[in-house]
Structure formats: structure tokens, C-alpha cells
C-alpha atoms as a PDB file:
ATOM      1  CA  UNK A   1     169.730  92.182  96.152  1.00  0.00           C
ATOM      2  CA  UNK A   2     168.311  95.593  96.894  1.00  0.00           C
ATOM      3  CA  UNK A   3     165.978  96.071  99.832  1.00  0.00           C
ATOM      4  CA  UNK A   4     164.117  99.194 100.886  1.00  0.00           C
ATOM      5  CA  UNK A   5     162.597  99.605 104.328  1.00  0.00           C
ATOM      6  CA  UNK A   6     160.387 102.561 105.163  1.00  0.00           C
ATOM      7  CA  UNK A   7     159.645 103.848 108.630  1.00  0.00           C
ATOM      8  CA  UNK A   8     158.348 106.939 110.345  1.00  0.00           C
ATOM      9  CA  UNK A   9     154.661 106.719 109.607  1.00  0.00           C
ATOM     10  CA  UNK A  10     151.988 107.085 112.235  1.00  0.00           C
ATOM     11  CA  UNK A  11     149.005 109.033 113.441  1.00  0.00           C
ATOM     12  CA  UNK A  12     149.337 112.812 113.446  1.00  0.00           C
ATOM     13  CA  UNK A  13     146.904 115.663 113.918  1.00  0.00           C
ATOM     14  CA  UNK A  14     146.106 118.049 111.075  1.00  0.00           C
ATOM     15  CA  UNK A  15     148.828 120.650 110.824  1.00  0.00           C
ATOM     16  CA  UNK A  16     151.401 118.295 112.278  1.00  0.00           C
ATOM     17  CA  UNK A  17     154.630 116.958 110.831  1.00  0.00           C
ATOM     18  CA  UNK A  18     156.225 113.604 110.166  1.00  0.00           C
ATOM     19  CA  UNK A  19     159.516 112.476 108.707  1.00  0.00           C
ATOM     20  CA  UNK A  20     159.543 109.279 106.730  1.00  0.00           C
ATOM     21  CA  UNK A  21     162.741 107.328 106.195  1.00  0.00           C
ATOM     22  CA  UNK A  22     163.696 104.799 103.551  1.00  0.00           C
ATOM     23  CA  UNK A  23     166.817 102.763 104.206  1.00  0.00           C
ATOM     24  CA  UNK A  24     168.379 101.119 101.172  1.00  0.00           C
ATOM     25  CA  UNK A  25     170.514  98.017 101.586  1.00  0.00           C
ATOM     26  CA  UNK A  26     172.328  95.929  99.030  1.00  0.00           C
ATOM     27  CA  UNK A  27     173.633  97.272  95.777  1.00  0.00           C
ATOM     28  CA  UNK A  28     173.663 101.025  95.458  1.00  0.00           C
ATOM     29  CA  UNK A  29     173.414 102.312  91.908  1.00  0.00           C
ATOM     30  CA  UNK A  30     175.527 105.158  90.619  1.00  0.00           C
ATOM     31  CA  UNK A  31     172.704 106.626  88.556  1.00  0.00           C
ATOM     32  CA  UNK A  32     169.307 106.384  90.158  1.00  0.00           C
ATOM     33  CA  UNK A  33     166.138 108.107  91.068  1.00  0.00           C
ATOM     34  CA  UNK A  34     164.392 107.711  94.380  1.00  0.00           C
ATOM     35  CA  UNK A  35     160.744 108.495  94.656  1.00  0.00           C
ATOM     36  CA  UNK A  36     158.216 108.664  97.406  1.00  0.00           C
ATOM     37  CA  UNK A  37     154.730 107.539  96.410  1.00  0.00           C
ATOM     38  CA  UNK A  38     151.488 107.267  98.265  1.00  0.00           C
ATOM     39  CA  UNK A  39     148.291 105.327  97.907  1.00  0.00           C
ATOM     40  CA  UNK A  40     145.063 106.084  99.684  1.00  0.00           C
ATOM     41  CA  UNK A  41     142.292 103.478  99.962  1.00  0.00           C
ATOM     42  CA  UNK A  42     140.402 103.186  96.693  1.00  0.00           C
ATOM     43  CA  UNK A  43     142.839 105.439  94.855  1.00  0.00           C
ATOM     44  CA  UNK A  44     145.740 104.906  92.520  1.00  0.00           C
ATOM     45  CA  UNK A  45     149.289 105.176  93.742  1.00  0.00           C
ATOM     46  CA  UNK A  46     150.660 108.634  93.033  1.00  0.00           C
ATOM     47  CA  UNK A  47     154.071 110.234  93.002  1.00  0.00           C
ATOM     48  CA  UNK A  48     154.819 112.572  95.880  1.00  0.00           C
ATOM     49  CA  UNK A  49     158.428 113.580  95.289  1.00  0.00           C
ATOM     50  CA  UNK A  50     161.580 112.365  93.588  1.00  0.00           C
ATOM     51  CA  UNK A  51     165.292 112.925  94.005  1.00  0.00           C
ATOM     52  CA  UNK A  52     167.943 111.775  91.564  1.00  0.00           C
ATOM     53  CA  UNK A  53     171.574 110.816  91.936  1.00  0.00           C
ATOM     54  CA  UNK A  54     172.568 114.237  90.587  1.00  0.00           C
ATOM     55  CA  UNK A  55     170.390 115.935  93.235  1.00  0.00           C
ATOM     56  CA  UNK A  56     167.521 116.949  91.004  1.00  0.00           C
ATOM     57  CA  UNK A  57     164.282 117.105  92.969  1.00  0.00           C
ATOM     58  CA  UNK A  58     160.697 117.321  91.863  1.00  0.00           C
ATOM     59  CA  UNK A  59     157.397 117.445  93.724  1.00  0.00           C
ATOM     60  CA  UNK A  60     153.762 116.843  93.024  1.00  0.00           C
ATOM     61  CA  UNK A  61     151.733 120.028  93.229  1.00  0.00           C
ATOM     62  CA  UNK A  62     150.129 118.963  96.501  1.00  0.00           C
ATOM     63  CA  UNK A  63     153.567 118.411  98.032  1.00  0.00           C
ATOM     64  CA  UNK A  64     155.197 121.673  97.024  1.00  0.00           C
ATOM     65  CA  UNK A  65     155.950 123.989  99.945  1.00  0.00           C
ATOM     66  CA  UNK A  66     154.912 121.320 102.475  1.00  0.00           C
ATOM     67  CA  UNK A  67     157.099 118.268 101.779  1.00  0.00           C
ATOM     68  CA  UNK A  68     160.857 117.996 101.371  1.00  0.00           C
ATOM     69  CA  UNK A  69     162.744 115.030  99.942  1.00  0.00           C
ATOM     70  CA  UNK A  70     166.355 114.540 100.957  1.00  0.00           C
ATOM     71  CA  UNK A  71     169.001 111.873 101.439  1.00  0.00           C
ATOM     72  CA  UNK A  72     171.943 110.861 103.564  1.00  0.00           C
ATOM     73  CA  UNK A  73     174.484 109.288 101.225  1.00  0.00           C
ATOM     74  CA  UNK A  74     176.575 107.933 104.068  1.00  0.00           C
ATOM     75  CA  UNK A  75     173.655 106.040 105.583  1.00  0.00           C
ATOM     76  CA  UNK A  76     172.001 105.184 102.251  1.00  0.00           C
ATOM     77  CA  UNK A  77     168.819 106.668 103.612  1.00  0.00           C
ATOM     78  CA  UNK A  78     166.230 108.835 101.961  1.00  0.00           C
ATOM     79  CA  UNK A  79     163.774 111.044 103.772  1.00  0.00           C
ATOM     80  CA  UNK A  80     160.448 112.697 103.210  1.00  0.00           C
ATOM     81  CA  UNK A  81     159.837 115.536 105.626  1.00  0.00           C
ATOM     82  CA  UNK A  82     156.146 116.362 105.697  1.00  0.00           C
ATOM     83  CA  UNK A  83     154.704 119.450 107.314  1.00  0.00           C
ATOM     84  CA  UNK A  84     151.281 121.074 107.551  1.00  0.00           C
ATOM     85  CA  UNK A  85     149.703 117.682 107.103  1.00  0.00           C
ATOM     86  CA  UNK A  86     146.092 117.461 106.045  1.00  0.00           C
ATOM     87  CA  UNK A  87     143.552 114.637 106.365  1.00  0.00           C
ATOM     88  CA  UNK A  88     143.821 114.117 102.624  1.00  0.00           C
ATOM     89  CA  UNK A  89     147.485 113.212 103.081  1.00  0.00           C
ATOM     90  CA  UNK A  90     146.341 110.008 104.768  1.00  0.00           C
ATOM     91  CA  UNK A  91     147.764 107.119 102.775  1.00  0.00           C
ATOM     92  CA  UNK A  92     150.320 104.361 102.707  1.00  0.00           C
ATOM     93  CA  UNK A  93     153.636 105.888 101.670  1.00  0.00           C
ATOM     94  CA  UNK A  94     156.159 103.910  99.654  1.00  0.00           C
ATOM     95  CA  UNK A  95     159.687 104.559  98.477  1.00  0.00           C
ATOM     96  CA  UNK A  96     160.871 103.336  95.108  1.00  0.00           C
ATOM     97  CA  UNK A  97     164.434 103.141  93.890  1.00  0.00           C
ATOM     98  CA  UNK A  98     164.996 103.055  90.143  1.00  0.00           C
ATOM     99  CA  UNK A  99     168.247 101.905  88.585  1.00  0.00           C
ATOM    100  CA  UNK A 100     168.305 104.222  85.598  1.00  0.00           C
ATOM    101  CA  UNK A 101     170.733 102.055  83.617  1.00  0.00           C
ATOM    102  CA  UNK A 102     168.668  98.863  83.774  1.00  0.00           C
ATOM    103  CA  UNK A 103     165.288 100.532  84.363  1.00  0.00           C
ATOM    104  CA  UNK A 104     164.740  98.219  87.327  1.00  0.00           C
ATOM    105  CA  UNK A 105     162.457  99.339  90.142  1.00  0.00           C
ATOM    106  CA  UNK A 106     162.661  98.365  93.767  1.00  0.00           C
ATOM    107  CA  UNK A 107     159.866  99.093  96.224  1.00  0.00           C
ATOM    108  CA  UNK A 108     159.644  99.222  99.946  1.00  0.00           C
ATOM    109  CA  UNK A 109     156.812  97.674 101.919  1.00  0.00           C
ATOM    110  CA  UNK A 110     155.193 100.995 102.784  1.00  0.00           C
ATOM    111  CA  UNK A 111     154.473 102.935 105.941  1.00  0.00           C
ATOM    112  CA  UNK A 112     151.047 104.205 106.929  1.00  0.00           C
ATOM    113  CA  UNK A 113     150.412 107.883 107.534  1.00  0.00           C
ATOM    114  CA  UNK A 114     147.114 108.854 109.103  1.00  0.00           C
ATOM    115  CA  UNK A 115     146.195 112.496 109.578  1.00  0.00           C
ATOM    116  CA  UNK A 116     143.242 112.853 111.903  1.00  0.00           C
ATOM    117  CA  UNK A 117     142.060 114.833 114.860  1.00  0.00           C
END
């Protein structure tokens, strides 16, 4: 069974930085994509960034130049480094692991990010 646990959220002032972590336990797929998503109150969940097993990365326009997705293969951990945070970045952030072969998705429970003065 695959489990994802996010951490690293919190309250930060505008312009500040946070690093979110997503630890994956259980079966690790050889071909996968890992995405960070976010959902603000009253809004749909949206993709922030994705990294694949062959190291392809992609970012939403709002995340380009401010956010960086990365991973530690040894620790089975994925990261989202966020800088120059804005109040509109306030949301619950989720990681999702997709097994490309079976098209199965696994979600974490989310971590709250609040950007406020």
C-alpha cells in the first residue's frame, strides 16, 4: 500500500519562503509522476508542479520562477520549495503520486500554507 505524508506548511509573511515535503512509503513505482497541487477555499484544486521518474519537470504559470519541485530518491521524498510567497498562494497543498503503468493515483492528506502579514 502506498502512503504519502506531506509536511512543511505553516504561516508565512508575504515574500517569505517555505519548503513542503512529501514522504512516500510502500511500493515505489519505476515509472511515475509526482505532482504538487493546491486548493484554496471555494476554488478547484489546481496543479502547481510535477516531476516525473525521468526527471521531467513542469510548472503552472503562477509557480514558474518562484517554486521548485525536486526529490530525494534515497529518502523517497519529494519537495516543493516556495519563495516570494504571496497571499494568493494561501491554500491546502497536496502531493499526488501517479503510477503511470496502472494509472493509479495516490494522494496525501494535505498541508496548509497561509501567507499573511
